[in-house]
Protein backbone atom coordinates (compact mmCIF):
# COMPACT_ATOMS: atom_id res chain seq x y z
CA PHE A 1 0.00 0.00 0.00
CA ASP A 2 1.70 3.16 -1.25
CA ASN A 3 0.29 6.33 0.33
CA ASN A 4 1.82 8.45 -2.44
CA ASP A 5 -0.72 7.14 -4.93
CA SER A 6 -4.39 6.34 -4.90
CA ILE A 7 -5.00 2.62 -4.75
CA CYS A 8 -6.03 0.89 -7.94
CA CYS A 9 -9.67 0.19 -7.23
CA LEU A 10 -9.56 -2.86 -9.47
CA CYS A 11 -7.80 -4.37 -6.46
CA SER A 12 -9.07 -2.40 -3.45
CA LYS A 13 -10.83 0.96 -3.16
CA LYS A 14 -9.05 3.35 -0.80
CA GLY A 15 -9.36 7.08 -0.25
CA PHE A 16 -5.83 7.99 0.82
CA VAL A 17 -3.33 10.23 -0.92
CA ASN A 18 -0.14 11.18 0.93
CA MET A 19 -1.79 10.12 4.21
CA HIS A 20 -4.69 12.57 3.59
CA GLU A 21 -7.86 10.50 3.84
CA ILE A 22 -10.98 11.50 1.93
CA LEU A 23 -14.19 10.21 3.49
CA GLU A 24 -17.37 9.50 1.56
CA LYS A 25 -20.72 11.07 2.43
CA ARG A 26 -19.13 14.01 4.25
CA PRO A 27 -18.92 17.79 3.65
CA TYR A 28 -15.60 19.39 2.67
CA LYS A 29 -14.42 22.97 2.50
CA HIS A 30 -12.37 24.15 -0.47
CA PHE A 31 -9.38 26.36 0.23
CA LYS A 32 -11.09 29.24 -1.62
CA GLY A 33 -14.04 29.11 0.81
CA ASN A 34 -16.90 27.13 -0.76
CA LEU A 35 -18.44 23.98 0.67
CA TYR A 36 -18.86 20.68 -1.17
CA TYR A 37 -20.33 17.28 -0.36
CA VAL A 38 -18.36 14.13 -1.24
CA HIS A 39 -20.80 11.49 -2.42
CA GLU A 40 -18.50 8.62 -3.42
CA ILE A 41 -14.98 7.66 -4.33
CA VAL A 42 -15.45 5.98 -7.70
CA CYS A 43 -13.26 3.91 -9.97
CA HIS A 44 -12.51 4.37 -13.67
CA SER A 45 -13.60 1.07 -15.21
CA GLU A 46 -10.59 0.72 -17.52
CA THR A 47 -7.67 2.37 -15.75
CA GLY A 48 -8.59 1.75 -12.11
CA GLU A 49 -7.87 5.41 -11.29
CA LEU A 50 -9.89 6.72 -8.35
CA TYR A 51 -12.09 9.79 -8.69
CA VAL A 52 -14.07 11.80 -6.16
CA SER A 53 -17.74 12.38 -7.00
CA TYR A 54 -18.78 15.56 -5.22
CA GLN A 55 -21.42 18.30 -5.28
CA ALA A 56 -21.36 22.04 -4.64
CA LEU A 57 -23.36 23.06 -1.58
CA TYR A 58 -24.33 26.36 -3.21
CA SER A 59 -26.69 27.17 -6.08
CA PRO A 60 -27.00 25.65 -8.68
CA TYR A 61 -25.62 22.62 -6.71
CA LYS A 62 -23.61 21.17 -9.60
CA PHE A 63 -22.03 17.71 -9.51
CA TYR A 64 -18.35 17.20 -10.31
CA ILE A 65 -15.71 14.49 -10.52
CA LYS A 66 -12.02 15.02 -9.90
CA PRO A 67 -9.13 12.57 -9.71
CA LEU A 68 -8.55 11.65 -6.07
CA LYS A 69 -4.91 12.74 -6.39
CA LEU A 70 -6.04 16.27 -7.27
CA PHE A 71 -8.88 16.41 -4.75
CA ALA A 72 -6.51 15.48 -1.91
CA ALA A 73 -3.60 17.62 -3.14
CA LYS A 74 -1.82 20.16 -0.98
CA VAL A 75 -2.35 23.87 -1.62
CA GLU A 76 0.74 25.35 -3.24
CA ASP A 77 2.76 27.67 -0.99
CA GLY A 78 2.18 31.38 -1.47
CA ARG A 79 -1.30 31.19 -2.99
CA THR A 80 -3.10 34.43 -2.21
CA ASP A 81 -6.48 32.79 -2.90
CA ASN A 82 -6.06 30.34 0.01
CA LEU A 83 -8.68 32.21 2.01
CA LEU A 84 -8.94 29.58 4.73
CA HIS A 85 -5.17 29.01 5.07
CA GLN A 86 -5.62 25.27 4.52
CA LYS A 87 -2.90 22.69 4.03
CA TYR A 88 -5.01 20.72 1.51
CA LYS A 89 -7.25 21.91 -1.31
CA PHE A 90 -10.22 20.12 0.26
CA GLU A 91 -10.46 19.51 3.99
CA LEU A 92 -13.17 17.84 6.01
CA TYR A 93 -15.73 20.43 7.17
CA ASP A 94 -16.24 20.40 10.92
CA GLY A 95 -18.81 23.19 11.08
CA ASN A 96 -16.28 26.00 11.44
CA ILE A 97 -14.83 28.25 8.78
CA ASP A 98 -11.72 30.18 9.76
CA GLY A 99 -11.67 32.99 7.22
CA LYS A 100 -14.17 34.04 4.58
CA LEU A 101 -16.85 31.93 3.02
């Protein structure tokens, strides 16, 4: 099990990237301030790559998919649009927003 890569879901579905776990059926805050709901971690049927299926929690409540590696990526140092001063682009929402929303 290599925590630097998402697990090939043809073998076993996991939601870890660089020790940052993404949980299904939970709300997440994006580093720019918006909230999203993670529905599922899904598998590409041919490549085995893991994707996150998630939905915006603001109108018009669009659905998205993003490779797990990108969803769980760290925010690049020095980004002025990191309004919440997060380590990761998406972090589990605990009911508190430190910064703007």
